[in-house]
Amino acid sequence: MIRLPVRRVLAALAIVLSTAVTAEAQTTVRWGNNGEVTTMDPHGVFSTANAALLGNVYDSLVRLDRNLAFEPALATAWVVMAPDHYRFTIRQNVRFHDGTLMTAGDVVASLRRASVPNSPYASVTHMIKEVQQSGRDTVDVMLRGPYPVLINDLAGISILSEAWMKAHDALLPTDPARGTSGYANVNTNGTGPFRVVSRQLDSETVLEAFPDWWDKREHNVDRISFRPVPNDATRLAGLLSGQLDVITPVPLQDAERLRQNSAITLVEAQDLRVMYFGFNVGPDHQTAAGTGPNPLADRRVREAMTMALDVPSITRAVMRGLTQPTHSMIAREITGYEPAQSVQRATYNQDGARRLLAEAGYPDGFTIGLECPVDRFVNGDRLCQAAAAMWARIGVKVTYSGMRYAAFMQRFMKQEPDIYLMGWANTPQLDGFSILNNVFHTRNQRSGSWNAGRYSDPALDTLIGRAAVEMDLAKRTSLLTEAFAMERANFWAIPLYREPMLLASRKGFEVPAFADGRMRFWMARAP
């Protein structure tokens, strides 16, 4: 058994997994995951779950190393020409999986694609004003103002072939959550260490090592067989029977059993992702009850529902004590974390919650909807059922809907749920500005892309806007702290805990796993 402590530095929880090596497929990894990749378009949805696989297929200008520090990738160097102007030197002799050479023009086309208005990748492109080729091997990125975390953002933007995009009418990103589709949804052409050779939706996606990858090959993995296995028991059985080599995540209820199994390596740590319940606070939002005003628009109601949730009991029973309650929307490794704001937002008190509901005009409670993805987060279904039961004790009748992640996201992006379960890791930026700008900022073409709760506060938007362009670290941190204090005071969300990271594998194979949730198979070694 391996136990890793939570670290306060911006470093990977680099964990060694192991997997069996079979004689007939000596370097094939059969990876069982709890959910399917919703699209193969690397700009199609800003999702850690998708990036866990696609990060092996596509490269970016900048990437995170083994210690989650930023390092050059497809860009070999960069120069700050002005606070709002960066120049990148593009790596030469890099080939796409179709054999064509990457050029500076491909970088320009890719960054423009990811940063179009209302892009699914607005999360990391909102400050990009224009991208131009400034020389044979250089690309200039012009910003909307000074911006201290551009390099952080670029670690999340994949580079595609301009010729390939033109040939397949894929110059714009496709967003399955908004009902758009295209060639890039099901086909890939990256520069990464692995290329996709076959894909059967909800069954298997096969990757093979790309022999012309630009970086020095340290891995000896020839094939990756990615298999979505939503059912916990089936996924675990696949590992124990030898049909799977590594599973993510491990069912929490089986952790102790695996600790005692000498043929299995179990990794226990914490993800950077903070799980939370979000409220749809829009006054004109039509709730599941179908009649009357939206009770969640009243701050007192949101505070009451926060008071009614016994998070310590949830972490003990539902999460098996493998994580602890948190009261901040960001992990302490993330820039902007403030220990003073990690205290409990509202003390658990059912009687106090009922009094607040009565003050808000709901002495007999009300009916509200709760929507949760059942194939994305660890024990998400059990968590939501437990929360619904706790809210029922104060008279809030919850209509619970558990659904597959793809269906959930379609409703989430349209701001349709009343209450919803979500997690945010602030990757690849590792900066609190990420969740503030993308979740709590008023939704527009370039901000609030993940604002499913119809949050809108001009004063908060102003603070977030100031933090976006403040280059002084101390002043910027102060702005982030003030913004998080406003979010707390509004009770717009209920932070729950950092998601426990349990990974299991068969012995004999090594690959690092990281707190940002990505699987980097180019660092893998088979014996």
Protein backbone atom coordinates (compact mmCIF):
# COMPACT_ATOMS: atom_id res chain seq x y z
CA MET A 1 0.00 0.00 0.00
CA ILE A 2 1.12 3.54 -0.78
CA ARG A 3 -0.13 6.50 1.27
CA LEU A 4 0.66 10.03 0.17
CA PRO A 5 0.15 13.16 2.26
CA VAL A 6 -1.52 16.26 0.87
CA ARG A 7 1.19 18.78 -0.04
CA ARG A 8 1.05 22.53 0.14
CA VAL A 9 3.28 23.10 -2.85
CA LEU A 10 2.20 23.28 -6.48
CA ALA A 11 3.46 19.80 -7.12
CA ALA A 12 2.07 16.65 -8.57
CA LEU A 13 1.06 13.90 -6.27
CA ALA A 14 3.23 11.72 -8.47
CA ILE A 15 2.03 8.27 -7.70
CA VAL A 16 3.31 5.03 -9.13
CA LEU A 17 0.65 2.79 -10.51
CA SER A 18 1.27 -0.75 -11.61
CA THR A 19 -0.28 -3.07 -14.11
CA ALA A 20 0.19 -6.57 -15.40
CA VAL A 21 2.28 -7.27 -18.44
CA THR A 22 0.88 -10.04 -20.58
CA ALA A 23 3.03 -12.16 -22.86
CA GLU A 24 0.85 -11.57 -25.92
CA ALA A 25 0.63 -7.78 -25.46
CA GLN A 26 3.72 -6.94 -23.49
CA THR A 27 3.27 -3.19 -23.39
CA THR A 28 -0.49 -2.79 -23.70
CA VAL A 29 -2.29 -0.97 -20.89
CA ARG A 30 -5.97 -1.78 -20.45
CA TRP A 31 -7.36 1.23 -18.64
CA GLY A 32 -10.83 1.04 -17.11
CA ASN A 33 -12.31 4.46 -16.34
CA ASN A 34 -15.63 5.34 -14.74
CA GLY A 35 -16.80 7.41 -17.71
CA GLU A 36 -16.51 7.92 -21.44
CA VAL A 37 -14.72 10.83 -23.11
CA THR A 38 -17.56 13.09 -24.27
CA THR A 39 -15.75 14.28 -27.42
CA MET A 40 -12.41 13.80 -29.14
CA ASP A 41 -12.31 17.49 -30.05
CA PRO A 42 -9.65 18.89 -27.70
CA HIS A 43 -11.38 22.30 -27.77
CA GLY A 44 -14.88 20.82 -27.51
CA VAL A 45 -15.29 20.87 -23.75
CA PHE A 46 -13.11 22.18 -20.93
CA SER A 47 -12.94 18.94 -18.96
CA THR A 48 -10.26 17.30 -16.85
CA ALA A 49 -11.85 13.93 -17.56
CA ASN A 50 -11.47 14.40 -21.32
CA ALA A 51 -7.97 15.83 -20.96
CA ALA A 52 -6.90 12.74 -18.99
CA LEU A 53 -7.07 10.80 -22.27
CA LEU A 54 -6.63 13.50 -24.92
CA GLY A 55 -3.54 14.87 -23.18
CA ASN A 56 -1.79 11.77 -24.54
CA VAL A 57 -2.91 12.58 -28.10
CA TYR A 58 -2.41 16.35 -28.32
CA ASP A 59 0.37 18.68 -27.19
CA SER A 60 0.23 22.32 -26.14
CA LEU A 61 2.75 25.17 -26.30
CA VAL A 62 3.44 24.76 -22.58
CA ARG A 63 2.92 21.73 -20.36
CA LEU A 64 3.19 20.66 -16.74
CA ASP A 65 6.17 18.52 -15.74
CA ARG A 66 6.36 15.80 -13.09
CA ASN A 67 6.22 18.45 -10.36
CA LEU A 68 3.34 20.38 -11.94
CA ALA A 69 5.71 23.17 -12.91
CA PHE A 70 5.31 24.78 -16.33
CA GLU A 71 7.87 23.86 -18.99
CA PRO A 72 8.28 24.37 -22.76
CA ALA A 73 6.52 21.93 -25.06
CA LEU A 74 5.59 22.94 -28.63
CA ALA A 75 6.99 26.38 -27.81
CA THR A 76 10.69 26.32 -27.01
CA ALA A 77 10.78 29.85 -25.55
CA TRP A 78 8.70 32.99 -25.07
CA VAL A 79 9.36 36.67 -24.56
CA VAL A 80 7.12 39.29 -22.95
CA MET A 81 7.18 42.06 -25.56
CA ALA A 82 4.76 44.14 -23.44
CA PRO A 83 2.40 43.30 -20.56
CA ASP A 84 -0.28 42.51 -23.18
CA HIS A 85 1.97 41.04 -25.88
CA TYR A 86 3.83 37.70 -25.83
CA ARG A 87 6.03 36.20 -28.55
CA PHE A 88 6.51 32.42 -28.74
CA THR A 89 9.23 30.54 -30.59
CA ILE A 90 7.70 27.42 -32.12
CA ARG A 91 9.51 24.09 -31.99
CA GLN A 92 10.74 22.79 -35.33
CA ASN A 93 10.57 19.31 -36.91
CA VAL A 94 7.39 18.39 -35.05
CA ARG A 95 5.04 16.08 -36.95
CA PHE A 96 1.33 15.57 -36.69
CA HIS A 97 0.00 12.03 -36.59
CA ASP A 98 -0.86 12.25 -40.32
CA GLY A 99 2.84 12.85 -41.03
CA THR A 100 2.71 16.56 -41.89
CA LEU A 101 5.10 19.01 -40.27
CA MET A 102 3.73 21.45 -37.71
CA THR A 103 4.21 25.14 -38.54
CA ALA A 104 3.68 28.44 -36.79
CA GLY A 105 0.53 28.75 -38.91
CA ASP A 106 -0.92 25.67 -37.20
CA VAL A 107 -0.35 27.31 -33.82
CA VAL A 108 -2.09 30.51 -34.97
CA ALA A 109 -5.09 28.58 -36.33
CA SER A 110 -5.38 26.48 -33.17
CA LEU A 111 -5.25 29.39 -30.74
CA ARG A 112 -7.76 31.30 -32.85
CA ARG A 113 -10.03 28.25 -32.92
CA ALA A 114 -9.95 27.86 -29.16
CA SER A 115 -10.58 31.56 -28.52
CA VAL A 116 -13.57 32.34 -30.74
CA PRO A 117 -16.50 34.01 -28.91
CA ASN A 118 -18.52 31.54 -26.82
CA SER A 119 -15.82 28.91 -27.28
CA PRO A 120 -16.05 25.92 -24.94
CA TYR A 121 -12.44 26.86 -24.12
CA ALA A 122 -13.28 30.42 -23.11
CA SER A 123 -12.12 29.26 -19.68
CA VAL A 124 -8.51 29.66 -20.83
CA THR A 125 -8.77 31.96 -23.85
CA HIS A 126 -10.91 34.87 -22.63
CA MET A 127 -7.95 37.30 -22.54
CA ILE A 128 -6.66 36.50 -26.04
CA LYS A 129 -7.41 39.40 -28.37
CA GLU A 130 -5.51 38.27 -31.46
CA VAL A 131 -2.93 35.73 -32.57
CA GLN A 132 -0.56 36.42 -35.46
CA GLN A 133 2.44 34.79 -37.09
CA SER A 134 5.31 37.26 -36.67
CA GLY A 135 8.08 35.24 -38.31
CA ARG A 136 8.77 31.85 -39.83
CA ASP A 137 9.02 30.26 -36.41
CA THR A 138 7.36 32.83 -34.14
CA VAL A 139 3.80 33.53 -33.04
CA ASP A 140 2.59 36.66 -31.27
CA VAL A 141 -0.30 36.55 -28.81
CA MET A 142 -1.95 39.90 -28.15
CA LEU A 143 -4.07 40.20 -25.02
CA ARG A 144 -6.97 42.41 -23.94
CA GLY A 145 -4.74 43.83 -21.22
CA PRO A 146 -1.95 42.79 -18.86
CA TYR A 147 -2.53 39.21 -17.77
CA PRO A 148 -0.32 37.32 -15.30
CA VAL A 149 -1.43 33.73 -16.02
CA LEU A 150 -1.28 33.42 -19.82
CA ILE A 151 1.40 30.73 -19.64
CA ASN A 152 -0.78 28.79 -17.19
CA ASP A 153 -3.72 28.99 -19.59
CA LEU A 154 -1.73 27.89 -22.62
CA ALA A 155 -0.88 24.61 -20.91
CA GLY A 156 -4.48 23.62 -21.56
CA ILE A 157 -4.81 24.54 -25.26
CA SER A 158 -4.07 21.76 -27.76
CA ILE A 159 -2.48 22.43 -31.13
CA LEU A 160 -4.13 21.01 -34.26
CA SER A 161 -3.19 20.97 -37.95
CA GLU A 162 -4.66 23.89 -39.91
CA ALA A 163 -4.69 21.89 -43.16
CA TRP A 164 -6.46 19.00 -41.44
CA MET A 165 -9.05 21.35 -39.95
CA LYS A 166 -9.69 23.01 -43.32
CA ALA A 167 -9.98 19.68 -45.10
CA HIS A 168 -12.64 18.49 -42.67
CA ASP A 169 -14.53 21.76 -42.04
CA ALA A 170 -13.26 21.81 -38.45
CA LEU A 171 -11.86 25.35 -38.10
CA LEU A 172 -14.37 26.02 -35.31
CA PRO A 173 -14.66 23.95 -32.11
CA THR A 174 -17.60 21.64 -31.68
CA ASP A 175 -19.46 21.57 -28.38
CA PRO A 176 -21.54 18.43 -27.74
CA ALA A 177 -23.02 20.03 -24.61
CA ARG A 178 -24.58 22.64 -26.89
CA GLY A 179 -25.62 20.16 -29.53
CA THR A 180 -22.91 20.81 -32.14
CA SER A 181 -20.89 18.07 -33.76
CA GLY A 182 -18.32 17.64 -36.51
CA TYR A 183 -15.36 15.68 -37.79
CA ALA A 184 -13.15 16.52 -34.80
CA ASN A 185 -15.71 15.01 -32.43
CA VAL A 186 -14.74 11.51 -33.53
CA ASN A 187 -11.37 11.95 -35.26
CA THR A 188 -7.98 13.20 -34.05
CA ASN A 189 -4.72 14.48 -35.48
CA GLY A 190 -2.36 15.68 -32.78
CA THR A 191 1.38 15.79 -32.22
CA GLY A 192 1.28 13.87 -28.93
CA PRO A 193 3.05 10.67 -27.85
CA PHE A 194 0.07 8.48 -28.78
CA ARG A 195 -2.30 8.46 -31.74
CA VAL A 196 -5.85 7.12 -31.88
CA VAL A 197 -6.17 4.06 -34.11
CA SER A 198 -9.75 3.01 -33.33
CA ARG A 199 -12.73 4.21 -31.34
CA GLN A 200 -15.98 2.51 -30.41
CA LEU A 201 -18.13 4.84 -28.34
CA ASP A 202 -18.91 3.50 -24.85
CA SER A 203 -16.79 0.42 -25.59
CA GLU A 204 -13.09 0.99 -26.37
CA THR A 205 -10.71 3.63 -27.69
CA VAL A 206 -7.30 2.32 -28.72
CA LEU A 207 -4.15 4.46 -28.83
CA GLU A 208 -0.75 3.39 -30.09
CA ALA A 209 2.64 4.99 -29.57
CA PHE A 210 3.51 7.60 -32.21
CA PRO A 211 6.99 6.75 -33.53
CA ASP A 212 7.69 10.31 -34.73
CA TRP A 213 6.87 12.10 -31.48
CA TRP A 214 9.12 15.14 -31.09
CA ASP A 215 10.08 14.49 -27.47
CA LYS A 216 12.54 11.92 -26.14
CA ARG A 217 10.70 8.67 -25.60
CA GLU A 218 11.02 7.47 -22.03
CA HIS A 219 7.99 5.17 -22.04
CA ASN A 220 7.79 1.71 -23.56
CA VAL A 221 4.00 1.50 -23.80
CA ASP A 222 2.94 0.43 -27.29
CA ARG A 223 -0.83 0.53 -26.90
CA ILE A 224 -3.43 1.97 -24.55
CA SER A 225 -6.87 0.42 -24.48
CA PHE A 226 -9.23 2.95 -22.86
CA ARG A 227 -12.47 1.35 -21.71
CA PRO A 228 -15.35 3.24 -20.04
CA VAL A 229 -16.74 1.08 -17.22
CA PRO A 230 -19.27 3.15 -15.25
CA ASN A 231 -20.28 0.36 -12.88
CA ASP A 232 -17.94 0.22 -9.87
CA ALA A 233 -18.30 -3.50 -9.27
CA THR A 234 -17.67 -4.34 -12.92
CA ARG A 235 -14.62 -2.12 -13.05
CA LEU A 236 -13.15 -3.69 -9.93
CA ALA A 237 -13.92 -7.21 -11.14
CA GLY A 238 -12.10 -6.42 -14.37
CA LEU A 239 -8.99 -5.47 -12.41
CA LEU A 240 -9.08 -8.49 -10.10
CA SER A 241 -9.70 -10.94 -12.94
CA GLY A 242 -6.86 -9.56 -15.07
CA GLN A 243 -9.12 -8.11 -17.79
CA LEU A 244 -8.07 -4.59 -16.82
CA ASP A 245 -4.65 -3.37 -15.78
CA VAL A 246 -5.45 -0.06 -14.15
CA ILE A 247 -8.75 1.42 -12.97
CA THR A 248 -9.74 5.01 -12.19
CA PRO A 249 -11.21 5.61 -9.74
CA VAL A 250 -11.30 2.79 -7.21
CA PRO A 251 -14.69 2.17 -5.53
CA LEU A 252 -14.20 3.58 -2.03
CA GLN A 253 -15.98 0.69 -0.37
CA ASP A 254 -13.35 -1.69 -1.76
CA ALA A 255 -10.29 0.25 -0.65
CA GLU A 256 -9.54 -1.90 2.39
CA ARG A 257 -9.96 -5.08 0.39
CA LEU A 258 -7.41 -3.88 -2.14
CA ARG A 259 -4.99 -2.77 0.57
CA GLN A 260 -4.75 -6.40 1.62
CA ASN A 261 -4.22 -7.74 -1.91
CA SER A 262 -0.52 -8.28 -2.60
CA ALA A 263 -1.14 -8.42 -6.34
CA ILE A 264 -2.58 -4.90 -6.39
CA THR A 265 -1.03 -1.48 -5.86
CA LEU A 266 -3.48 0.95 -4.28
CA VAL A 267 -2.74 4.67 -4.33
CA GLU A 268 -4.49 6.97 -1.86
CA ALA A 269 -4.29 10.75 -2.11
CA GLN A 270 -6.44 13.80 -2.79
CA ASP A 271 -7.28 15.43 -6.07
CA LEU A 272 -7.04 19.21 -6.46
CA ARG A 273 -10.73 19.10 -7.37
CA VAL A 274 -13.12 20.56 -4.81
CA MET A 275 -16.59 19.06 -5.03
CA TYR A 276 -19.54 21.39 -4.49
CA PHE A 277 -23.27 21.81 -4.83
CA GLY A 278 -24.23 24.81 -6.94
CA PHE A 279 -27.51 26.71 -6.69
CA ASN A 280 -29.38 28.22 -9.62
CA VAL A 281 -30.12 31.66 -8.17
CA GLY A 282 -31.82 33.22 -11.19
CA PRO A 283 -35.05 34.99 -10.07
CA ASP A 284 -36.74 34.00 -13.34
CA HIS A 285 -35.46 30.41 -13.29
CA GLN A 286 -38.26 27.86 -13.57
CA THR A 287 -37.66 25.21 -10.92
CA ALA A 288 -38.64 21.55 -10.91
CA ALA A 289 -41.79 22.45 -8.95
CA GLY A 290 -43.03 24.28 -12.01
CA THR A 291 -44.89 26.99 -10.12
CA GLY A 292 -44.08 30.07 -8.08
CA PRO A 293 -40.86 32.02 -7.72
CA ASN A 294 -37.44 30.39 -7.44
CA PRO A 295 -36.77 29.92 -3.69
CA LEU A 296 -33.03 29.61 -4.37
CA ALA A 297 -32.97 33.28 -5.41
CA ASP A 298 -33.27 34.14 -1.69
CA ARG A 299 -29.93 34.17 0.12
CA ARG A 300 -31.61 32.99 3.35
CA VAL A 301 -32.81 29.84 1.61
CA ARG A 302 -29.32 29.07 0.34
CA GLU A 303 -27.88 29.61 3.81
CA ALA A 304 -30.56 27.35 5.29
CA MET A 305 -29.72 24.57 2.85
CA THR A 306 -26.03 24.98 3.70
CA MET A 307 -26.86 24.69 7.42
CA ALA A 308 -28.94 21.55 6.80
CA LEU A 309 -26.11 19.63 5.14
CA ASP A 310 -24.01 17.54 7.52
CA VAL A 311 -20.83 17.39 5.44
CA PRO A 312 -18.72 15.61 8.11
CA SER A 313 -21.23 12.76 8.12
CA ILE A 314 -21.04 12.62 4.32
CA THR A 315 -17.26 12.39 4.32
CA ARG A 316 -17.35 9.65 6.97
CA ALA A 317 -20.15 7.53 5.50
CA VAL A 318 -20.27 8.23 1.76
CA MET A 319 -16.56 8.96 1.30
CA ARG A 320 -15.43 6.33 3.82
CA GLY A 321 -13.32 8.85 5.73
CA LEU A 322 -10.91 9.13 2.80
CA THR A 323 -11.29 12.90 2.61
CA GLN A 324 -12.24 15.75 4.93
CA PRO A 325 -14.84 18.54 4.72
CA THR A 326 -13.66 21.75 3.09
CA HIS A 327 -15.24 25.18 3.25
CA SER A 328 -13.19 26.88 0.53
CA MET A 329 -13.89 26.58 -3.18
CA ILE A 330 -10.21 25.98 -3.95
CA ALA A 331 -7.55 23.60 -2.65
CA ARG A 332 -4.80 25.08 -0.53
CA GLU A 333 -2.20 24.43 -3.26
CA ILE A 334 -4.04 26.85 -5.57
CA THR A 335 -3.02 30.52 -5.79
CA GLY A 336 -5.63 32.60 -3.97
CA TYR A 337 -6.28 30.14 -1.16
CA GLU A 338 -6.86 31.97 2.11
CA PRO A 339 -6.76 29.92 5.36
CA ALA A 340 -9.07 32.41 7.08
CA GLN A 341 -11.76 31.52 4.54
CA SER A 342 -11.49 27.81 5.15
CA VAL A 343 -13.70 28.01 8.23
CA GLN A 344 -17.23 26.62 8.14
CA ARG A 345 -19.67 28.84 6.24
CA ALA A 346 -22.67 27.94 8.34
CA THR A 347 -22.81 25.64 11.37
CA TYR A 348 -24.86 22.48 10.89
CA ASN A 349 -28.18 23.30 12.56
CA GLN A 350 -31.48 21.87 11.32
CA ASP A 351 -33.60 24.04 13.66
CA GLY A 352 -31.74 27.16 12.53
CA ALA A 353 -32.26 26.13 8.92
CA ARG A 354 -36.02 25.78 9.43
CA ARG A 355 -36.15 29.24 11.04
CA LEU A 356 -34.35 30.76 8.06
CA LEU A 357 -36.77 29.06 5.65
CA ALA A 358 -39.72 30.47 7.64
CA GLU A 359 -38.20 33.96 7.52
CA ALA A 360 -37.84 33.61 3.76
CA GLY A 361 -41.53 32.68 3.46
CA TYR A 362 -41.22 28.91 3.30
CA PRO A 363 -42.32 27.61 6.73
CA ASP A 364 -43.47 24.36 5.13
CA GLY A 365 -40.50 24.04 2.81
CA PHE A 366 -40.71 23.69 -0.96
CA THR A 367 -39.94 21.29 -3.81
CA ILE A 368 -36.68 21.60 -5.73
CA GLY A 369 -34.68 19.57 -8.23
CA LEU A 370 -31.20 18.09 -7.78
CA GLU A 371 -29.20 16.81 -10.76
CA CYS A 372 -25.97 14.82 -10.53
CA PRO A 373 -23.76 12.92 -12.98
CA VAL A 374 -23.46 9.28 -11.90
CA ASP A 375 -20.43 8.32 -14.01
CA ARG A 376 -17.97 11.14 -13.37
CA PHE A 377 -17.33 11.81 -9.68
CA VAL A 378 -16.39 9.37 -6.91
CA ASN A 379 -19.59 8.11 -5.22
CA GLY A 380 -21.49 11.03 -6.76
CA ASP A 381 -24.81 9.19 -6.83
CA ARG A 382 -24.61 8.20 -3.16
CA LEU A 383 -23.54 11.73 -2.21
CA CYS A 384 -26.57 13.28 -3.91
CA GLN A 385 -28.99 10.81 -2.37
CA ALA A 386 -27.55 11.52 1.09
CA ALA A 387 -27.88 15.29 0.55
CA ALA A 388 -31.48 14.91 -0.63
CA ALA A 389 -32.34 13.00 2.55
CA MET A 390 -30.75 15.69 4.75
CA TRP A 391 -32.62 18.51 3.01
CA ALA A 392 -35.87 16.58 3.40
CA ARG A 393 -35.45 16.87 7.19
CA ILE A 394 -35.98 20.65 6.97
CA GLY A 395 -38.98 20.34 4.66
CA VAL A 396 -37.19 20.70 1.33
CA LYS A 397 -38.58 18.02 -0.95
CA VAL A 398 -35.89 17.09 -3.47
CA THR A 399 -36.63 15.62 -6.86
CA TYR A 400 -33.38 13.83 -7.59
CA SER A 401 -32.19 13.00 -11.12
CA GLY A 402 -29.01 10.99 -11.63
CA MET A 403 -27.79 10.80 -15.22
CA ARG A 404 -24.80 10.09 -17.42
CA TYR A 405 -22.29 12.91 -17.62
CA ALA A 406 -22.94 13.77 -21.28
CA ALA A 407 -26.67 14.26 -20.65
CA PHE A 408 -25.95 16.16 -17.44
CA MET A 409 -23.61 18.55 -19.20
CA GLN A 410 -26.19 19.43 -21.84
CA ARG A 411 -28.55 20.61 -19.11
CA PHE A 412 -25.73 22.15 -17.04
CA MET A 413 -24.48 24.34 -19.88
CA LYS A 414 -28.03 25.55 -20.55
CA GLN A 415 -28.37 26.56 -16.86
CA GLU A 416 -31.36 24.23 -16.43
CA PRO A 417 -30.71 22.40 -13.11
CA ASP A 418 -32.02 23.85 -9.82
CA ILE A 419 -29.21 22.38 -7.72
CA TYR A 420 -26.33 20.45 -9.23
CA LEU A 421 -23.17 18.57 -8.28
CA MET A 422 -19.91 19.75 -9.81
CA GLY A 423 -16.17 19.71 -9.11
CA TRP A 424 -13.49 22.25 -10.04
CA ALA A 425 -9.73 21.67 -9.87
CA ASN A 426 -8.48 24.98 -11.34
CA THR A 427 -6.24 23.15 -13.79
CA PRO A 428 -4.12 23.73 -15.74
CA GLN A 429 -3.90 27.27 -14.33
CA LEU A 430 -3.45 26.24 -10.67
CA ASP A 431 -4.90 29.66 -9.89
CA GLY A 432 -8.12 30.72 -8.13
CA PHE A 433 -8.93 33.13 -10.95
CA SER A 434 -10.03 30.06 -12.92
CA ILE A 435 -13.12 29.25 -10.87
CA LEU A 436 -13.94 32.90 -10.16
CA ASN A 437 -13.95 33.86 -13.83
CA ASN A 438 -15.53 30.70 -15.22
CA VAL A 439 -18.05 29.72 -12.55
CA PHE A 440 -19.02 32.89 -10.68
CA HIS A 441 -18.59 35.69 -13.22
CA THR A 442 -21.70 36.81 -15.09
CA ARG A 443 -21.96 34.72 -18.23
CA ASN A 444 -20.97 36.47 -21.44
CA GLN A 445 -18.99 35.56 -24.55
CA ARG A 446 -15.68 35.29 -22.69
CA SER A 447 -16.45 34.75 -18.99
CA GLY A 448 -18.84 32.62 -16.98
CA SER A 449 -18.63 29.72 -19.42
CA TRP A 450 -19.33 27.27 -16.55
CA ASN A 451 -21.78 29.54 -14.73
CA ALA A 452 -24.72 27.15 -14.45
CA GLY A 453 -26.17 28.99 -11.46
CA ARG A 454 -27.04 32.27 -13.23
CA TYR A 455 -24.76 34.10 -10.80
CA SER A 456 -24.46 37.80 -11.58
CA ASP A 457 -23.01 40.48 -9.32
CA PRO A 458 -21.48 43.57 -10.98
CA ALA A 459 -19.29 44.24 -7.94
CA LEU A 460 -17.86 40.71 -8.08
CA ASP A 461 -17.37 40.95 -11.84
CA THR A 462 -15.39 44.14 -11.29
CA LEU A 463 -13.14 42.44 -8.73
CA ILE A 464 -12.54 39.50 -11.04
CA GLY A 465 -11.76 41.87 -13.90
CA ARG A 466 -9.22 43.72 -11.77
CA ALA A 467 -7.58 40.45 -10.71
CA ALA A 468 -7.31 39.46 -14.38
CA VAL A 469 -4.93 42.32 -15.19
CA GLU A 470 -3.14 42.91 -11.87
CA MET A 471 0.51 41.97 -12.28
CA ASP A 472 1.56 42.58 -8.65
CA LEU A 473 1.21 39.21 -6.89
CA ALA A 474 0.35 40.60 -3.45
CA LYS A 475 -2.29 42.96 -4.82
CA ARG A 476 -3.69 40.27 -7.07
CA THR A 477 -3.94 37.76 -4.22
CA SER A 478 -5.79 40.35 -2.17
CA LEU A 479 -8.30 40.83 -5.00
CA LEU A 480 -8.83 37.06 -5.27
CA THR A 481 -9.36 36.82 -1.50
CA GLU A 482 -11.92 39.64 -1.58
CA ALA A 483 -13.76 37.98 -4.47
CA PHE A 484 -13.94 34.63 -2.67
CA ALA A 485 -15.26 36.43 0.42
CA MET A 486 -18.13 37.83 -1.69
CA GLU A 487 -18.90 34.38 -3.07
CA ARG A 488 -19.00 32.98 0.49
CA ALA A 489 -21.30 35.77 1.69
CA ASN A 490 -23.75 35.05 -1.13
CA PHE A 491 -23.94 31.30 -0.33
CA TRP A 492 -23.93 30.61 -4.07
CA ALA A 493 -22.45 27.16 -3.55
CA ILE A 494 -21.73 24.60 -0.86
CA PRO A 495 -18.11 23.38 -0.98
CA LEU A 496 -17.97 19.80 0.25
CA TYR A 497 -14.54 18.16 0.12
CA ARG A 498 -11.56 17.51 -2.09
CA GLU A 499 -12.34 14.44 -4.12
CA PRO A 500 -10.40 11.43 -2.87
CA MET A 501 -7.97 10.02 -5.41
CA LEU A 502 -7.89 6.24 -5.32
CA LEU A 503 -6.17 4.46 -8.16
CA ALA A 504 -5.47 0.76 -8.38
CA SER A 505 -3.43 -1.37 -10.72
CA ARG A 506 -1.82 -4.72 -11.10
CA LYS A 507 1.85 -4.85 -10.26
CA GLY A 508 4.70 -4.64 -12.73
CA PHE A 509 3.99 -1.42 -14.61
CA GLU A 510 4.83 2.15 -13.59
CA VAL A 511 3.12 5.37 -14.66
CA PRO A 512 2.84 8.61 -12.70
CA ALA A 513 -0.59 9.92 -11.78
CA PHE A 514 -1.06 13.50 -10.73
CA ALA A 515 -3.30 15.64 -8.55
CA ASP A 516 -4.57 17.45 -11.64
CA GLY A 517 -6.34 14.25 -12.68
CA ARG A 518 -4.40 13.62 -15.90
CA MET A 519 -2.86 10.33 -16.96
CA ARG A 520 0.54 10.89 -18.59
CA PHE A 521 1.34 7.58 -20.25
CA TRP A 522 4.42 9.00 -21.96
CA MET A 523 6.06 8.67 -18.53
CA ALA A 524 5.10 4.99 -18.21
CA ARG A 525 7.48 2.05 -18.06
CA ALA A 526 6.77 -1.64 -18.42
CA PRO A 527 9.27 -4.15 -16.99
